[in-house]
Amino acid sequence: MAKQKFRDPRGAHMRIYWSIVDSSAWFALNFSQRALYIACRRKLTSNFNGNLAFTHAGLAEQGFAVSSSTLASGLRALQAVGLIAVTREGGKVNRGQAIPTLYRFTDEQCHEWVKQHIPMTKASNEWQRFATVAAATEAIKASNARARASHASAKAERAKRTAEKNSPTRNPKRDDSKFNAVPIRNSKPGAISGFENQSVSDAAQTAAMPV
């Protein structure tokens, strides 16, 4: 007789192993980042690892209401210490449609997600590589420094594009058309306009008048 699968009478739950909460990676996190980890872990089911989106709106529905900058900083810290990893980068796709970044918990196996182009990945446990709290803390600081540098570079690039757009300098490709000669319609040889014909007739009548 097949053994029945155990079902907890109290329902679904999350499991965080002591090896994680006793690790240097965990000790390097502040209380807000640890709370974020638990809020994110709530989204994990038995076969959903790797296809997890930790969006601002989604976490706010769980009661984890923080600013976008705090959320971004917290997710960077969790990645820096190896507790989570990105499986698909978010951003803009066709026609400006935005897609979220997807994550996996490194202490669990990640299943394959064909439509999202996410391969199957065994539990990698990057958080175990930190032997000291100081090393994990330095990893978080380095991650924040890279983020600041990237933000400053993007800000400078946007300012440059705005300055070029608002520059009064003439664009030759755009403005040369203003100086192109407009072709004049060729008239028939010897033909004169109605005004010119009237002027000639008046001059002839004036010459024929007696003095």
N, C-alpha and C. Protein backbone atom coordinates (compact mmCIF):
# COMPACT_ATOMS: atom_id res chain seq x y z
N MET A 1 0.84 -1.19 0.00
CA MET A 1 0.00 0.00 0.00
C MET A 1 0.89 1.25 0.00
N ALA A 2 0.56 2.15 -0.92
CA ALA A 2 1.37 3.36 -1.06
C ALA A 2 1.22 4.23 0.19
N LYS A 3 2.33 4.79 0.60
CA LYS A 3 2.33 5.65 1.77
C LYS A 3 1.72 7.00 1.42
N GLN A 4 0.78 7.44 2.19
CA GLN A 4 0.13 8.72 1.92
C GLN A 4 1.08 9.88 2.26
N LYS A 5 1.00 10.91 1.43
CA LYS A 5 1.82 12.10 1.64
C LYS A 5 1.31 12.85 2.86
N PHE A 6 2.24 13.23 3.70
CA PHE A 6 1.86 13.95 4.92
C PHE A 6 1.31 15.33 4.58
N ARG A 7 0.22 15.68 5.17
CA ARG A 7 -0.37 17.00 5.02
C ARG A 7 -0.48 17.64 6.40
N ASP A 8 0.13 18.76 6.55
CA ASP A 8 0.10 19.47 7.82
C ASP A 8 -1.33 19.94 8.09
N PRO A 9 -1.91 19.56 9.21
CA PRO A 9 -3.29 19.98 9.49
C PRO A 9 -3.43 21.50 9.66
N ARG A 10 -2.34 22.17 9.92
CA ARG A 10 -2.39 23.62 10.09
C ARG A 10 -2.21 24.36 8.77
N GLY A 11 -2.03 23.63 7.68
CA GLY A 11 -1.93 24.25 6.37
C GLY A 11 -0.50 24.52 5.94
N ALA A 12 -0.40 25.31 4.87
CA ALA A 12 0.91 25.62 4.29
C ALA A 12 1.74 26.47 5.26
N HIS A 13 3.05 26.39 5.08
CA HIS A 13 3.96 27.13 5.95
C HIS A 13 5.27 27.33 5.22
N MET A 14 6.11 28.18 5.75
CA MET A 14 7.45 28.37 5.18
C MET A 14 8.48 27.77 6.13
N ARG A 15 9.56 27.30 5.52
CA ARG A 15 10.61 26.66 6.31
C ARG A 15 11.93 27.38 6.07
N ILE A 16 12.51 27.90 7.13
CA ILE A 16 13.82 28.54 7.04
C ILE A 16 14.76 27.77 7.97
N TYR A 17 15.80 27.19 7.42
CA TYR A 17 16.68 26.32 8.19
C TYR A 17 17.60 27.11 9.11
N TRP A 18 17.94 26.49 10.20
CA TRP A 18 18.83 27.11 11.16
C TRP A 18 20.17 27.46 10.53
N SER A 19 20.61 26.64 9.59
CA SER A 19 21.91 26.89 8.95
C SER A 19 21.93 28.25 8.26
N ILE A 20 20.76 28.72 7.82
CA ILE A 20 20.68 30.04 7.18
C ILE A 20 20.69 31.15 8.22
N VAL A 21 19.79 31.04 9.21
CA VAL A 21 19.68 32.12 10.20
C VAL A 21 20.86 32.16 11.17
N ASP A 22 21.71 31.14 11.16
CA ASP A 22 22.92 31.15 11.97
C ASP A 22 24.16 31.46 11.15
N SER A 23 23.98 31.84 9.88
CA SER A 23 25.11 32.04 8.97
C SER A 23 25.62 33.48 9.02
N SER A 24 26.83 33.68 8.52
CA SER A 24 27.41 35.03 8.43
C SER A 24 26.61 35.90 7.47
N ALA A 25 26.08 35.29 6.42
CA ALA A 25 25.28 36.04 5.45
C ALA A 25 24.06 36.65 6.12
N TRP A 26 23.40 35.88 6.98
CA TRP A 26 22.20 36.37 7.67
C TRP A 26 22.56 37.46 8.68
N PHE A 27 23.65 37.28 9.42
CA PHE A 27 24.06 38.26 10.43
C PHE A 27 24.45 39.60 9.80
N ALA A 28 24.85 39.58 8.53
CA ALA A 28 25.25 40.83 7.86
C ALA A 28 24.05 41.67 7.44
N LEU A 29 22.86 41.08 7.43
CA LEU A 29 21.65 41.81 7.04
C LEU A 29 21.11 42.62 8.21
N ASN A 30 20.51 43.77 7.90
CA ASN A 30 19.82 44.52 8.96
C ASN A 30 18.41 43.95 9.13
N PHE A 31 17.68 44.48 10.09
CA PHE A 31 16.36 43.90 10.41
C PHE A 31 15.38 44.07 9.25
N SER A 32 15.46 45.19 8.54
CA SER A 32 14.57 45.41 7.40
C SER A 32 14.83 44.40 6.29
N GLN A 33 16.10 44.08 6.05
CA GLN A 33 16.46 43.12 5.00
C GLN A 33 16.08 41.69 5.39
N ARG A 34 16.16 41.38 6.67
CA ARG A 34 15.71 40.06 7.14
C ARG A 34 14.20 39.93 7.00
N ALA A 35 13.47 41.02 7.32
CA ALA A 35 12.01 41.00 7.16
C ALA A 35 11.63 40.85 5.70
N LEU A 36 12.41 41.49 4.82
CA LEU A 36 12.15 41.36 3.38
C LEU A 36 12.34 39.92 2.93
N TYR A 37 13.38 39.27 3.43
CA TYR A 37 13.62 37.87 3.07
C TYR A 37 12.42 37.01 3.45
N ILE A 38 11.88 37.22 4.64
CA ILE A 38 10.72 36.43 5.09
C ILE A 38 9.49 36.73 4.24
N ALA A 39 9.30 38.02 3.91
CA ALA A 39 8.16 38.39 3.06
C ALA A 39 8.29 37.76 1.68
N CYS A 40 9.49 37.72 1.15
CA CYS A 40 9.71 37.09 -0.16
C CYS A 40 9.54 35.57 -0.07
N ARG A 41 9.99 35.01 1.03
CA ARG A 41 9.91 33.55 1.20
C ARG A 41 8.45 33.08 1.25
N ARG A 42 7.57 33.96 1.68
CA ARG A 42 6.14 33.62 1.72
C ARG A 42 5.62 33.25 0.33
N LYS A 43 6.24 33.76 -0.72
CA LYS A 43 5.78 33.49 -2.08
C LYS A 43 6.26 32.13 -2.61
N LEU A 44 7.17 31.51 -1.90
CA LEU A 44 7.74 30.25 -2.38
C LEU A 44 6.81 29.08 -2.10
N THR A 45 6.52 28.32 -3.15
CA THR A 45 5.77 27.07 -3.00
C THR A 45 6.70 25.91 -3.37
N SER A 46 6.19 24.72 -3.34
CA SER A 46 7.04 23.54 -3.54
C SER A 46 7.67 23.47 -4.92
N ASN A 47 7.05 24.08 -5.93
CA ASN A 47 7.59 23.97 -7.28
C ASN A 47 7.62 25.30 -8.02
N PHE A 48 7.67 26.41 -7.29
CA PHE A 48 7.60 27.72 -7.94
C PHE A 48 8.92 28.47 -7.87
N ASN A 49 9.95 27.86 -7.33
CA ASN A 49 11.24 28.55 -7.21
C ASN A 49 11.81 28.86 -8.59
N GLY A 50 12.31 30.08 -8.75
CA GLY A 50 12.86 30.52 -10.03
C GLY A 50 11.92 31.41 -10.81
N ASN A 51 10.64 31.31 -10.49
CA ASN A 51 9.63 32.13 -11.17
C ASN A 51 8.95 33.06 -10.16
N LEU A 52 9.76 33.66 -9.31
CA LEU A 52 9.27 34.50 -8.22
C LEU A 52 9.54 35.97 -8.53
N ALA A 53 8.49 36.78 -8.51
CA ALA A 53 8.62 38.22 -8.74
C ALA A 53 8.38 38.96 -7.43
N PHE A 54 9.38 39.66 -6.95
CA PHE A 54 9.25 40.40 -5.70
C PHE A 54 9.02 41.88 -6.03
N THR A 55 7.82 42.19 -6.49
CA THR A 55 7.50 43.54 -6.91
C THR A 55 7.03 44.39 -5.73
N HIS A 56 7.10 45.68 -5.92
CA HIS A 56 6.68 46.62 -4.88
C HIS A 56 5.19 46.43 -4.56
N ALA A 57 4.37 46.32 -5.61
CA ALA A 57 2.92 46.16 -5.42
C ALA A 57 2.60 44.83 -4.76
N GLY A 58 3.27 43.75 -5.20
CA GLY A 58 2.99 42.44 -4.65
C GLY A 58 3.34 42.32 -3.18
N LEU A 59 4.47 42.89 -2.79
CA LEU A 59 4.87 42.84 -1.38
C LEU A 59 4.00 43.75 -0.52
N ALA A 60 3.53 44.86 -1.10
CA ALA A 60 2.64 45.75 -0.35
C ALA A 60 1.33 45.05 0.00
N GLU A 61 0.86 44.17 -0.89
CA GLU A 61 -0.36 43.42 -0.60
C GLU A 61 -0.18 42.49 0.58
N GLN A 62 1.05 42.07 0.85
CA GLN A 62 1.34 41.22 2.00
C GLN A 62 1.56 42.03 3.28
N GLY A 63 1.47 43.36 3.16
CA GLY A 63 1.70 44.21 4.31
C GLY A 63 3.12 44.71 4.43
N PHE A 64 3.99 44.33 3.47
CA PHE A 64 5.38 44.80 3.52
C PHE A 64 5.46 46.07 2.66
N ALA A 65 4.99 47.18 3.23
CA ALA A 65 4.92 48.46 2.51
C ALA A 65 6.16 49.28 2.80
N VAL A 66 7.06 49.35 1.84
CA VAL A 66 8.27 50.16 1.96
C VAL A 66 8.42 50.96 0.68
N SER A 67 9.33 51.90 0.68
CA SER A 67 9.58 52.69 -0.52
C SER A 67 10.27 51.83 -1.57
N SER A 68 10.20 52.29 -2.81
CA SER A 68 10.85 51.55 -3.91
C SER A 68 12.35 51.47 -3.71
N SER A 69 12.95 52.54 -3.21
CA SER A 69 14.40 52.55 -3.00
C SER A 69 14.80 51.56 -1.89
N THR A 70 13.98 51.48 -0.83
CA THR A 70 14.27 50.53 0.25
C THR A 70 14.15 49.10 -0.24
N LEU A 71 13.14 48.84 -1.07
CA LEU A 71 12.97 47.50 -1.63
C LEU A 71 14.14 47.13 -2.52
N ALA A 72 14.55 48.06 -3.39
CA ALA A 72 15.67 47.79 -4.29
C ALA A 72 16.95 47.53 -3.50
N SER A 73 17.18 48.34 -2.46
CA SER A 73 18.38 48.15 -1.64
C SER A 73 18.34 46.81 -0.91
N GLY A 74 17.16 46.42 -0.42
CA GLY A 74 17.04 45.14 0.28
C GLY A 74 17.27 43.95 -0.63
N LEU A 75 16.72 44.01 -1.83
CA LEU A 75 16.92 42.91 -2.79
C LEU A 75 18.38 42.81 -3.20
N ARG A 76 19.05 43.96 -3.34
CA ARG A 76 20.48 43.93 -3.67
C ARG A 76 21.27 43.26 -2.55
N ALA A 77 20.90 43.55 -1.29
CA ALA A 77 21.61 42.95 -0.16
C ALA A 77 21.41 41.44 -0.13
N LEU A 78 20.18 40.98 -0.37
CA LEU A 78 19.91 39.54 -0.37
C LEU A 78 20.66 38.84 -1.49
N GLN A 79 20.81 39.52 -2.62
CA GLN A 79 21.60 38.93 -3.71
C GLN A 79 23.08 38.95 -3.36
N ALA A 80 23.54 40.05 -2.76
CA ALA A 80 24.97 40.18 -2.46
C ALA A 80 25.46 39.09 -1.52
N VAL A 81 24.62 38.69 -0.55
CA VAL A 81 25.04 37.65 0.39
C VAL A 81 24.65 36.25 -0.09
N GLY A 82 24.07 36.17 -1.28
CA GLY A 82 23.82 34.86 -1.89
C GLY A 82 22.59 34.13 -1.43
N LEU A 83 21.63 34.81 -0.80
CA LEU A 83 20.40 34.14 -0.37
C LEU A 83 19.40 34.01 -1.51
N ILE A 84 19.42 34.95 -2.44
CA ILE A 84 18.57 34.87 -3.64
C ILE A 84 19.44 35.15 -4.85
N ALA A 85 18.94 34.79 -6.02
CA ALA A 85 19.66 35.04 -7.27
C ALA A 85 18.64 35.35 -8.37
N VAL A 86 19.06 36.15 -9.33
CA VAL A 86 18.19 36.53 -10.44
C VAL A 86 18.18 35.40 -11.47
N THR A 87 16.98 35.05 -11.92
CA THR A 87 16.85 34.05 -12.99
C THR A 87 16.48 34.69 -14.33
N ARG A 88 15.86 35.88 -14.27
CA ARG A 88 15.54 36.63 -15.49
C ARG A 88 15.51 38.11 -15.16
N GLU A 89 16.26 38.88 -15.93
CA GLU A 89 16.28 40.32 -15.73
C GLU A 89 14.98 40.94 -16.23
N GLY A 90 14.47 41.91 -15.49
CA GLY A 90 13.27 42.62 -15.92
C GLY A 90 13.62 43.80 -16.79
N GLY A 91 12.59 44.52 -17.22
CA GLY A 91 12.80 45.69 -18.06
C GLY A 91 11.71 45.83 -19.10
N LYS A 92 12.00 46.60 -20.15
CA LYS A 92 11.05 46.85 -21.22
C LYS A 92 11.29 45.86 -22.35
N VAL A 93 10.19 45.34 -22.92
CA VAL A 93 10.27 44.44 -24.06
C VAL A 93 9.50 45.07 -25.22
N ASN A 94 8.96 44.25 -26.09
CA ASN A 94 8.29 44.76 -27.28
C ASN A 94 7.18 45.75 -26.92
N ARG A 95 7.13 46.86 -27.66
CA ARG A 95 6.11 47.89 -27.50
C ARG A 95 6.11 48.51 -26.11
N GLY A 96 7.26 48.49 -25.45
CA GLY A 96 7.38 49.15 -24.15
C GLY A 96 6.76 48.40 -22.99
N GLN A 97 6.35 47.14 -23.21
CA GLN A 97 5.75 46.38 -22.12
C GLN A 97 6.81 46.05 -21.07
N ALA A 98 6.49 46.28 -19.80
CA ALA A 98 7.43 46.02 -18.71
C ALA A 98 7.24 44.62 -18.15
N ILE A 99 8.35 43.92 -17.92
CA ILE A 99 8.30 42.60 -17.30
C ILE A 99 9.12 42.66 -16.01
N PRO A 100 8.71 41.94 -14.96
CA PRO A 100 9.44 42.00 -13.69
C PRO A 100 10.67 41.11 -13.69
N THR A 101 11.60 41.45 -12.83
CA THR A 101 12.75 40.57 -12.60
C THR A 101 12.28 39.34 -11.81
N LEU A 102 12.79 38.18 -12.18
CA LEU A 102 12.42 36.94 -11.50
C LEU A 102 13.61 36.42 -10.69
N TYR A 103 13.29 35.76 -9.59
CA TYR A 103 14.33 35.32 -8.65
C TYR A 103 14.14 33.85 -8.27
N ARG A 104 15.20 33.33 -7.64
CA ARG A 104 15.14 32.01 -7.02
C ARG A 104 15.83 32.08 -5.67
N PHE A 105 15.41 31.23 -4.74
CA PHE A 105 16.11 31.06 -3.47
C PHE A 105 17.22 30.04 -3.69
N THR A 106 18.42 30.39 -3.30
CA THR A 106 19.57 29.56 -3.64
C THR A 106 19.66 28.27 -2.83
N ASP A 107 18.89 28.17 -1.74
CA ASP A 107 18.95 26.95 -0.94
C ASP A 107 17.95 25.90 -1.41
N GLU A 108 17.21 26.21 -2.48
CA GLU A 108 16.23 25.27 -3.03
C GLU A 108 16.49 25.06 -4.52
N GLN A 109 16.09 23.91 -5.03
CA GLN A 109 16.22 23.64 -6.45
C GLN A 109 15.29 24.55 -7.25
N CYS A 110 15.79 25.01 -8.39
CA CYS A 110 14.98 25.83 -9.29
C CYS A 110 14.52 24.95 -10.45
N HIS A 111 13.21 24.89 -10.68
CA HIS A 111 12.67 24.10 -11.77
C HIS A 111 12.81 24.85 -13.10
N GLU A 112 12.71 24.12 -14.18
CA GLU A 112 12.80 24.75 -15.50
C GLU A 112 11.49 25.46 -15.83
N TRP A 113 11.63 26.66 -16.38
CA TRP A 113 10.49 27.45 -16.84
C TRP A 113 10.75 27.80 -18.30
N VAL A 114 10.12 27.03 -19.18
CA VAL A 114 10.42 27.12 -20.61
C VAL A 114 10.02 28.48 -21.17
N LYS A 115 8.81 28.92 -20.88
CA LYS A 115 8.32 30.18 -21.45
C LYS A 115 9.15 31.38 -20.99
N GLN A 116 9.67 31.30 -19.79
CA GLN A 116 10.49 32.40 -19.26
C GLN A 116 11.97 32.23 -19.58
N HIS A 117 12.32 31.12 -20.29
CA HIS A 117 13.71 30.82 -20.66
C HIS A 117 14.59 30.68 -19.42
N ILE A 118 14.05 30.01 -18.41
CA ILE A 118 14.79 29.79 -17.17
C ILE A 118 15.14 28.31 -17.07
N PRO A 119 16.42 27.97 -17.03
CA PRO A 119 16.81 26.55 -16.96
C PRO A 119 16.69 26.00 -15.54
N MET A 120 16.67 24.70 -15.45
CA MET A 120 16.65 24.04 -14.14
C MET A 120 18.02 24.25 -13.47
N THR A 121 17.98 24.57 -12.18
CA THR A 121 19.22 24.82 -11.43
C THR A 121 19.13 24.12 -10.08
N LYS A 122 20.17 23.41 -9.73
CA LYS A 122 20.21 22.79 -8.41
C LYS A 122 20.48 23.85 -7.35
N ALA A 123 20.18 23.52 -6.11
CA ALA A 123 20.45 24.44 -5.00
C ALA A 123 21.94 24.79 -4.99
N SER A 124 22.24 26.09 -5.08
CA SER A 124 23.63 26.53 -5.20
C SER A 124 24.22 27.04 -3.88
N ASN A 125 23.37 27.54 -2.97
CA ASN A 125 23.80 27.93 -1.62
C ASN A 125 24.99 28.89 -1.62
N GLU A 126 24.89 29.95 -2.42
CA GLU A 126 25.98 30.93 -2.45
C GLU A 126 26.23 31.59 -1.09
N TRP A 127 25.23 31.63 -0.24
CA TRP A 127 25.38 32.26 1.07
C TRP A 127 26.41 31.55 1.94
N GLN A 128 26.72 30.30 1.62
CA GLN A 128 27.67 29.54 2.42
C GLN A 128 29.12 29.95 2.19
N ARG A 129 29.38 30.74 1.15
CA ARG A 129 30.77 31.09 0.84
C ARG A 129 31.35 32.15 1.78
N PHE A 130 30.50 32.79 2.58
CA PHE A 130 30.99 33.84 3.49
C PHE A 130 31.37 33.22 4.83
N ALA A 131 32.66 33.27 5.12
CA ALA A 131 33.15 32.68 6.38
C ALA A 131 32.97 33.63 7.55
N THR A 132 32.90 34.94 7.27
CA THR A 132 32.78 35.93 8.34
C THR A 132 31.69 36.93 8.01
N VAL A 133 31.19 37.57 9.05
CA VAL A 133 30.18 38.62 8.86
C VAL A 133 30.79 39.80 8.12
N ALA A 134 32.05 40.08 8.39
CA ALA A 134 32.73 41.20 7.73
C ALA A 134 32.77 41.01 6.22
N ALA A 135 33.04 39.79 5.80
CA ALA A 135 33.10 39.51 4.36
C ALA A 135 31.73 39.71 3.71
N ALA A 136 30.68 39.27 4.37
CA ALA A 136 29.32 39.44 3.84
C ALA A 136 28.93 40.91 3.82
N THR A 137 29.34 41.65 4.86
CA THR A 137 29.04 43.08 4.93
C THR A 137 29.74 43.82 3.80
N GLU A 138 30.98 43.47 3.51
CA GLU A 138 31.71 44.10 2.42
C GLU A 138 31.05 43.81 1.08
N ALA A 139 30.49 42.62 0.93
CA ALA A 139 29.80 42.28 -0.32
C ALA A 139 28.57 43.18 -0.52
N ILE A 140 27.87 43.46 0.56
CA ILE A 140 26.70 44.35 0.47
C ILE A 140 27.14 45.77 0.11
N LYS A 141 28.22 46.25 0.75
CA LYS A 141 28.71 47.59 0.46
C LYS A 141 29.16 47.71 -1.00
N ALA A 142 29.83 46.69 -1.50
CA ALA A 142 30.29 46.72 -2.89
C ALA A 142 29.12 46.73 -3.86
N SER A 143 28.07 45.97 -3.52
CA SER A 143 26.87 45.94 -4.37
C SER A 143 26.20 47.31 -4.41
N ASN A 144 26.12 47.97 -3.26
CA ASN A 144 25.52 49.31 -3.21
C ASN A 144 26.36 50.32 -3.98
N ALA A 145 27.68 50.20 -3.92
CA ALA A 145 28.56 51.12 -4.65
C ALA A 145 28.37 50.96 -6.15
N ARG A 146 28.24 49.72 -6.62
CA ARG A 146 28.01 49.49 -8.06
C ARG A 146 26.66 50.07 -8.49
N ALA A 147 25.67 49.92 -7.63
CA ALA A 147 24.34 50.46 -7.94
C ALA A 147 24.37 51.98 -8.04
N ARG A 148 25.09 52.64 -7.12
CA ARG A 148 25.20 54.10 -7.16
C ARG A 148 25.93 54.56 -8.42
N ALA A 149 26.98 53.85 -8.79
CA ALA A 149 27.73 54.22 -9.99
C ALA A 149 26.88 54.05 -11.23
N SER A 150 26.11 52.96 -11.28
CA SER A 150 25.24 52.72 -12.42
C SER A 150 24.15 53.78 -12.51
N HIS A 151 23.60 54.16 -11.36
CA HIS A 151 22.55 55.20 -11.33
C HIS A 151 23.11 56.54 -11.79
N ALA A 152 24.32 56.89 -11.33
CA ALA A 152 24.93 58.15 -11.73
C ALA A 152 25.22 58.18 -13.23
N SER A 153 25.68 57.05 -13.76
CA SER A 153 25.95 56.97 -15.19
C SER A 153 24.68 57.14 -16.02
N ALA A 154 23.61 56.47 -15.58
CA ALA A 154 22.34 56.58 -16.29
C ALA A 154 21.79 58.00 -16.21
N LYS A 155 21.94 58.64 -15.05
CA LYS A 155 21.47 60.01 -14.89
C LYS A 155 22.24 60.97 -15.79
N ALA A 156 23.54 60.79 -15.89
CA ALA A 156 24.36 61.63 -16.76
C ALA A 156 23.99 61.44 -18.23
N GLU A 157 23.70 60.20 -18.60
CA GLU A 157 23.31 59.92 -19.99
C GLU A 157 21.98 60.57 -20.32
N ARG A 158 21.03 60.53 -19.38
CA ARG A 158 19.73 61.18 -19.61
C ARG A 158 19.90 62.69 -19.74
N ALA A 159 20.75 63.27 -18.89
CA ALA A 159 21.00 64.71 -18.96
C ALA A 159 21.65 65.10 -20.29
N LYS A 160 22.54 64.26 -20.78
CA LYS A 160 23.20 64.52 -22.05
C LYS A 160 22.20 64.49 -23.19
N ARG A 161 21.30 63.50 -23.19
CA ARG A 161 20.30 63.42 -24.25
C ARG A 161 19.35 64.61 -24.21
N THR A 162 18.98 65.03 -22.99
CA THR A 162 18.09 66.19 -22.85
C THR A 162 18.77 67.45 -23.37
N ALA A 163 20.07 67.63 -23.05
CA ALA A 163 20.80 68.80 -23.51
C ALA A 163 20.91 68.82 -25.03
N GLU A 164 21.15 67.67 -25.63
CA GLU A 164 21.24 67.60 -27.08
C GLU A 164 19.90 67.90 -27.74
N LYS A 165 18.83 67.45 -27.10
CA LYS A 165 17.50 67.68 -27.65
C LYS A 165 17.14 69.16 -27.60
N ASN A 166 17.55 69.85 -26.53
CA ASN A 166 17.20 71.25 -26.36
C ASN A 166 18.26 72.20 -26.90
N SER A 167 19.30 71.69 -27.52
CA SER A 167 20.38 72.54 -28.02
C SER A 167 19.90 73.38 -29.20
N PRO A 168 20.26 74.71 -29.25
CA PRO A 168 19.85 75.56 -30.38
C PRO A 168 20.72 75.37 -31.62
N THR A 169 21.77 74.59 -31.53
CA THR A 169 22.66 74.38 -32.66
C THR A 169 21.89 73.78 -33.83
N ARG A 170 22.11 74.31 -35.02
CA ARG A 170 21.38 73.85 -36.20
C ARG A 170 21.82 72.45 -36.58
N ASN A 171 20.88 71.64 -36.87
CA ASN A 171 21.13 70.30 -37.37
C ASN A 171 21.14 70.36 -38.88
N PRO A 172 22.32 70.15 -39.53
CA PRO A 172 22.38 70.29 -40.99
C PRO A 172 21.39 69.40 -41.72
N LYS A 173 21.20 68.17 -41.24
CA LYS A 173 20.30 67.26 -41.94
C LYS A 173 18.86 67.74 -41.88
N ARG A 174 18.55 68.49 -40.81
CA ARG A 174 17.18 68.94 -40.65
C ARG A 174 16.95 70.30 -41.28
N ASP A 175 17.98 71.21 -41.21
CA ASP A 175 17.77 72.59 -41.60
C ASP A 175 18.18 72.92 -43.03
N ASP A 176 18.95 72.07 -43.67
CA ASP A 176 19.38 72.38 -45.03
C ASP A 176 18.21 72.53 -45.98
N SER A 177 17.10 71.88 -45.65
CA SER A 177 15.94 71.94 -46.54
C SER A 177 15.40 73.36 -46.65
N LYS A 178 15.69 74.19 -45.62
CA LYS A 178 15.19 75.55 -45.64
C LYS A 178 15.87 76.38 -46.73
N PHE A 179 17.09 75.96 -47.09
CA PHE A 179 17.87 76.75 -48.02
C PHE A 179 17.87 76.16 -49.42
N ASN A 180 17.18 75.06 -49.63
CA ASN A 180 17.10 74.48 -50.95
C ASN A 180 16.28 75.38 -51.86
N ALA A 181 16.78 75.59 -53.08
CA ALA A 181 16.06 76.46 -54.03
C ALA A 181 14.78 75.78 -54.48
N VAL A 182 13.73 76.54 -54.51
CA VAL A 182 12.44 76.02 -54.97
C VAL A 182 12.42 76.11 -56.48
N PRO A 183 12.20 75.01 -57.19
CA PRO A 183 12.21 75.06 -58.67
C PRO A 183 11.11 75.97 -59.19
N ILE A 184 11.46 76.79 -60.19
CA ILE A 184 10.52 77.72 -60.81
C ILE A 184 9.94 77.06 -62.05
N ARG A 185 8.65 77.18 -62.24
CA ARG A 185 8.00 76.56 -63.39
C ARG A 185 8.45 77.27 -64.66
N ASN A 186 8.91 76.48 -65.62
CA ASN A 186 9.36 77.04 -66.89
C ASN A 186 8.16 77.53 -67.69
N SER A 187 8.23 78.79 -68.16
CA SER A 187 7.16 79.34 -69.00
C SER A 187 7.51 79.14 -70.47
N LYS A 188 6.51 79.21 -71.31
CA LYS A 188 6.75 79.03 -72.74
C LYS A 188 7.55 80.21 -73.29
N PRO A 189 8.42 79.95 -74.27
CA PRO A 189 9.23 81.04 -74.83
C PRO A 189 8.34 82.13 -75.41
N GLY A 190 8.63 83.38 -75.08
CA GLY A 190 7.89 84.50 -75.65
C GLY A 190 6.58 84.78 -74.98
N ALA A 191 6.18 83.92 -74.04
CA ALA A 191 4.89 84.14 -73.39
C ALA A 191 5.05 85.18 -72.31
N ILE A 192 4.04 86.06 -72.18
CA ILE A 192 4.06 87.09 -71.16
C ILE A 192 2.79 86.98 -70.37
N SER A 193 2.88 87.49 -69.15
CA SER A 193 1.73 87.39 -68.27
C SER A 193 0.67 88.38 -68.67
N GLY A 194 -0.53 88.24 -68.10
CA GLY A 194 -1.63 89.16 -68.40
C GLY A 194 -1.30 90.56 -67.96
N PHE A 195 -0.60 90.71 -66.87
CA PHE A 195 -0.23 92.05 -66.38
C PHE A 195 0.73 92.72 -67.34
N GLU A 196 1.73 91.91 -67.78
CA GLU A 196 2.70 92.47 -68.73
C GLU A 196 2.03 92.85 -70.05
N ASN A 197 1.06 92.04 -70.52
CA ASN A 197 0.36 92.31 -71.77
C ASN A 197 -0.44 93.59 -71.65
N GLN A 198 -1.07 93.84 -70.50
CA GLN A 198 -1.83 95.07 -70.28
C GLN A 198 -0.91 96.28 -70.28
N SER A 199 0.28 96.12 -69.68
CA SER A 199 1.24 97.23 -69.63
C SER A 199 1.71 97.61 -71.03
N VAL A 200 1.92 96.69 -71.91
CA VAL A 200 2.36 96.96 -73.28
C VAL A 200 1.27 97.68 -74.06
N SER A 201 0.02 97.24 -73.86
CA SER A 201 -1.11 97.86 -74.55
C SER A 201 -1.29 99.30 -74.13
N ASP A 202 -1.16 99.59 -72.84
CA ASP A 202 -1.29 100.96 -72.35
C ASP A 202 -0.19 101.84 -72.89
N ALA A 203 1.00 101.33 -73.01
CA ALA A 203 2.13 102.11 -73.55
C ALA A 203 1.91 102.44 -75.00
N ALA A 204 1.32 101.53 -75.77
CA ALA A 204 1.07 101.78 -77.20
C ALA A 204 0.00 102.85 -77.38
N GLN A 205 -1.04 102.80 -76.53
CA GLN A 205 -2.08 103.82 -76.63
C GLN A 205 -1.54 105.19 -76.26
N THR A 206 -0.68 105.26 -75.29
CA THR A 206 -0.08 106.54 -74.88
C THR A 206 0.77 107.13 -76.01
N ALA A 207 1.50 106.31 -76.72
CA ALA A 207 2.35 106.80 -77.81
C ALA A 207 1.51 107.29 -78.98
N ALA A 208 0.31 106.74 -79.21
CA ALA A 208 -0.52 107.11 -80.34
C ALA A 208 -1.31 108.38 -80.08
N MET A 209 -1.40 108.85 -78.87
CA MET A 209 -2.15 110.05 -78.54
C MET A 209 -1.43 111.28 -79.07
N PRO A 210 -2.21 112.28 -79.68
CA PRO A 210 -1.55 113.49 -80.22
C PRO A 210 -1.01 114.33 -79.08
N VAL A 211 0.10 115.00 -79.36
CA VAL A 211 0.76 115.83 -78.37
C VAL A 211 0.12 117.24 -78.37
